Amino acid sequence: MNQLTTVMLKEAEIFWKAMIVQLRMKVAHGGILTPRRIRM
């Protein structure tokens, strides 16, 4: 169980880092209004 949970945590961490990078790129391209649209 411990090994499996650590693997899932690592995968989730990589996934969230990728999501944050995509959000930053969208904000950089779209300006200030895009984060509000993404949250909705």
PDB file of N, CA and C in Angstrom:
ATOM      1  N   MET A   1       0.836  -1.211   0.000  1.00  0.00           N
ATOM      2  CA  MET A   1       0.000   0.000   0.000  1.00  0.00           C
ATOM      3  C   MET A   1       0.872   1.262   0.000  1.00  0.00           C
ATOM      4  N   ASN A   2       1.913   1.265   0.836  1.00  0.00           N
ATOM      5  CA  ASN A   2       2.751   2.462   0.923  1.00  0.00           C
ATOM      6  C   ASN A   2       3.429   2.771  -0.403  1.00  0.00           C
ATOM      7  N   GLN A   3       3.970   1.743  -1.064  1.00  0.00           N
ATOM      8  CA  GLN A   3       4.627   1.976  -2.351  1.00  0.00           C
ATOM      9  C   GLN A   3       3.623   2.517  -3.362  1.00  0.00           C
ATOM     10  N   LEU A   4       2.431   1.939  -3.385  1.00  0.00           N
ATOM     11  CA  LEU A   4       1.429   2.358  -4.361  1.00  0.00           C
ATOM     12  C   LEU A   4       1.010   3.810  -4.108  1.00  0.00           C
ATOM     13  N   THR A   5       0.823   4.164  -2.851  1.00  0.00           N
ATOM     14  CA  THR A   5       0.389   5.532  -2.543  1.00  0.00           C
ATOM     15  C   THR A   5       1.478   6.534  -2.888  1.00  0.00           C
ATOM     16  N   THR A   6       2.748   6.172  -2.645  1.00  0.00           N
ATOM     17  CA  THR A   6       3.829   7.104  -2.976  1.00  0.00           C
ATOM     18  C   THR A   6       3.909   7.310  -4.476  1.00  0.00           C
ATOM     19  N   VAL A   7       3.703   6.245  -5.248  1.00  0.00           N
ATOM     20  CA  VAL A   7       3.718   6.371  -6.709  1.00  0.00           C
ATOM     21  C   VAL A   7       2.579   7.280  -7.162  1.00  0.00           C
ATOM     22  N   MET A   8       1.404   7.101  -6.574  1.00  0.00           N
ATOM     23  CA  MET A   8       0.262   7.935  -6.959  1.00  0.00           C
ATOM     24  C   MET A   8       0.517   9.397  -6.590  1.00  0.00           C
ATOM     25  N   LEU A   9       1.132   9.621  -5.427  1.00  0.00           N
ATOM     26  CA  LEU A   9       1.438  10.991  -5.026  1.00  0.00           C
ATOM     27  C   LEU A   9       2.418  11.630  -5.990  1.00  0.00           C
ATOM     28  N   LYS A  10       3.426  10.879  -6.422  1.00  0.00           N
ATOM     29  CA  LYS A  10       4.401  11.421  -7.369  1.00  0.00           C
ATOM     30  C   LYS A  10       3.719  11.752  -8.692  1.00  0.00           C
ATOM     31  N   GLU A  11       2.865  10.852  -9.164  1.00  0.00           N
ATOM     32  CA  GLU A  11       2.158  11.105 -10.427  1.00  0.00           C
ATOM     33  C   GLU A  11       1.262  12.328 -10.302  1.00  0.00           C
ATOM     34  N   ALA A  12       0.570  12.454  -9.168  1.00  0.00           N
ATOM     35  CA  ALA A  12      -0.308  13.604  -8.957  1.00  0.00           C
ATOM     36  C   ALA A  12       0.507  14.898  -8.920  1.00  0.00           C
ATOM     37  N   GLU A  13       1.687  14.834  -8.289  1.00  0.00           N
ATOM     38  CA  GLU A  13       2.533  16.030  -8.211  1.00  0.00           C
ATOM     39  C   GLU A  13       2.975  16.463  -9.599  1.00  0.00           C
ATOM     40  N   ILE A  14       3.392  15.491 -10.429  1.00  0.00           N
ATOM     41  CA  ILE A  14       3.802  15.796 -11.807  1.00  0.00           C
ATOM     42  C   ILE A  14       2.622  16.386 -12.576  1.00  0.00           C
ATOM     43  N   PHE A  15       1.426  15.785 -12.391  1.00  0.00           N
ATOM     44  CA  PHE A  15       0.232  16.257 -13.095  1.00  0.00           C
ATOM     45  C   PHE A  15      -0.076  17.703 -12.725  1.00  0.00           C
ATOM     46  N   TRP A  16      -0.042  18.007 -11.411  1.00  0.00           N
ATOM     47  CA  TRP A  16      -0.379  19.363 -10.982  1.00  0.00           C
ATOM     48  C   TRP A  16       0.650  20.370 -11.456  1.00  0.00           C
ATOM     49  N   LYS A  17       1.942  19.963 -11.463  1.00  0.00           N
ATOM     50  CA  LYS A  17       2.972  20.873 -11.978  1.00  0.00           C
ATOM     51  C   LYS A  17       2.706  21.185 -13.445  1.00  0.00           C
ATOM     52  N   ALA A  18       2.318  20.168 -14.213  1.00  0.00           N
ATOM     53  CA  ALA A  18       2.023  20.384 -15.633  1.00  0.00           C
ATOM     54  C   ALA A  18       0.817  21.317 -15.787  1.00  0.00           C
ATOM     55  N   MET A  19      -0.203  21.128 -14.945  1.00  0.00           N
ATOM     56  CA  MET A  19      -1.381  21.984 -15.010  1.00  0.00           C
ATOM     57  C   MET A  19      -1.011  23.439 -14.709  1.00  0.00           C
ATOM     58  N   ILE A  20      -0.166  23.641 -13.697  1.00  0.00           N
ATOM     59  CA  ILE A  20       0.242  24.998 -13.325  1.00  0.00           C
ATOM     60  C   ILE A  20       1.006  25.652 -14.466  1.00  0.00           C
ATOM     61  N   VAL A  21       1.872  24.871 -15.131  1.00  0.00           N
ATOM     62  CA  VAL A  21       2.627  25.416 -16.267  1.00  0.00           C
ATOM     63  C   VAL A  21       1.667  25.838 -17.375  1.00  0.00           C
ATOM     64  N   GLN A  22       0.660  24.994 -17.655  1.00  0.00           N
ATOM     65  CA  GLN A  22      -0.317  25.335 -18.695  1.00  0.00           C
ATOM     66  C   GLN A  22      -1.092  26.591 -18.314  1.00  0.00           C
ATOM     67  N   LEU A  23      -1.475  26.700 -17.033  1.00  0.00           N
ATOM     68  CA  LEU A  23      -2.203  27.889 -16.593  1.00  0.00           C
ATOM     69  C   LEU A  23      -1.349  29.138 -16.767  1.00  0.00           C
ATOM     70  N   ARG A  24      -0.060  29.037 -16.409  1.00  0.00           N
ATOM     71  CA  ARG A  24       0.822  30.197 -16.553  1.00  0.00           C
ATOM     72  C   ARG A  24       0.954  30.592 -18.015  1.00  0.00           C
ATOM     73  N   MET A  25       1.048  29.602 -18.910  1.00  0.00           N
ATOM     74  CA  MET A  25       1.163  29.909 -20.335  1.00  0.00           C
ATOM     75  C   MET A  25      -0.113  30.575 -20.842  1.00  0.00           C
ATOM     76  N   LYS A  26      -1.272  30.084 -20.396  1.00  0.00           N
ATOM     77  CA  LYS A  26      -2.540  30.687 -20.818  1.00  0.00           C
ATOM     78  C   LYS A  26      -2.631  32.126 -20.331  1.00  0.00           C
ATOM     79  N   VAL A  27      -2.216  32.357 -19.089  1.00  0.00           N
ATOM     80  CA  VAL A  27      -2.252  33.716 -18.539  1.00  0.00           C
ATOM     81  C   VAL A  27      -1.298  34.614 -19.313  1.00  0.00           C
ATOM     82  N   ALA A  28      -0.110  34.087 -19.646  1.00  0.00           N
ATOM     83  CA  ALA A  28       0.880  34.883 -20.371  1.00  0.00           C
ATOM     84  C   ALA A  28       0.358  35.250 -21.759  1.00  0.00           C
ATOM     85  N   HIS A  29      -0.358  34.316 -22.404  1.00  0.00           N
ATOM     86  CA  HIS A  29      -0.861  34.579 -23.750  1.00  0.00           C
ATOM     87  C   HIS A  29      -2.150  35.399 -23.714  1.00  0.00           C
ATOM     88  N   GLY A  30      -3.045  35.074 -22.782  1.00  0.00           N
ATOM     89  CA  GLY A  30      -4.379  35.665 -22.803  1.00  0.00           C
ATOM     90  C   GLY A  30      -4.502  36.922 -21.972  1.00  0.00           C
ATOM     91  N   GLY A  31      -3.554  37.180 -21.082  1.00  0.00           N
ATOM     92  CA  GLY A  31      -3.645  38.366 -20.250  1.00  0.00           C
ATOM     93  C   GLY A  31      -4.277  38.070 -18.903  1.00  0.00           C
ATOM     94  N   ILE A  32      -4.939  39.082 -18.337  1.00  0.00           N
ATOM     95  CA  ILE A  32      -5.393  38.994 -16.951  1.00  0.00           C
ATOM     96  C   ILE A  32      -6.745  38.286 -16.845  1.00  0.00           C
ATOM     97  N   LEU A  33      -7.563  38.331 -17.899  1.00  0.00           N
ATOM     98  CA  LEU A  33      -8.933  37.842 -17.792  1.00  0.00           C
ATOM     99  C   LEU A  33      -9.030  36.318 -17.819  1.00  0.00           C
ATOM    100  N   THR A  34      -8.031  35.628 -18.357  1.00  0.00           N
ATOM    101  CA  THR A  34      -8.156  34.183 -18.527  1.00  0.00           C
ATOM    102  C   THR A  34      -8.263  33.409 -17.214  1.00  0.00           C
ATOM    103  N   PRO A  35      -7.547  33.756 -16.125  1.00  0.00           N
ATOM    104  CA  PRO A  35      -7.662  32.958 -14.912  1.00  0.00           C
ATOM    105  C   PRO A  35      -9.086  32.914 -14.367  1.00  0.00           C
ATOM    106  N   ARG A  36      -9.824  34.018 -14.494  1.00  0.00           N
ATOM    107  CA  ARG A  36     -11.199  34.030 -13.990  1.00  0.00           C
ATOM    108  C   ARG A  36     -12.060  33.050 -14.775  1.00  0.00           C
ATOM    109  N   ARG A  37     -11.854  32.987 -16.089  1.00  0.00           N
ATOM    110  CA  ARG A  37     -12.628  32.066 -16.921  1.00  0.00           C
ATOM    111  C   ARG A  37     -12.291  30.627 -16.569  1.00  0.00           C
ATOM    112  N   ILE A  38     -11.002  30.346 -16.295  1.00  0.00           N
ATOM    113  CA  ILE A  38     -10.586  28.982 -15.979  1.00  0.00           C
ATOM    114  C   ILE A  38     -11.214  28.542 -14.657  1.00  0.00           C
ATOM    115  N   ARG A  39     -11.263  29.448 -13.666  1.00  0.00           N
ATOM    116  CA  ARG A  39     -11.831  29.075 -12.371  1.00  0.00           C
ATOM    117  C   ARG A  39     -13.309  28.728 -12.498  1.00  0.00           C
ATOM    118  N   MET A  40     -14.021  29.444 -13.357  1.00  0.00           N
ATOM    119  CA  MET A  40     -15.438  29.142 -13.552  1.00  0.00           C
ATOM    120  C   MET A  40     -15.577  27.826 -14.303  1.00  0.00           C
TER     121      MET A  40
END
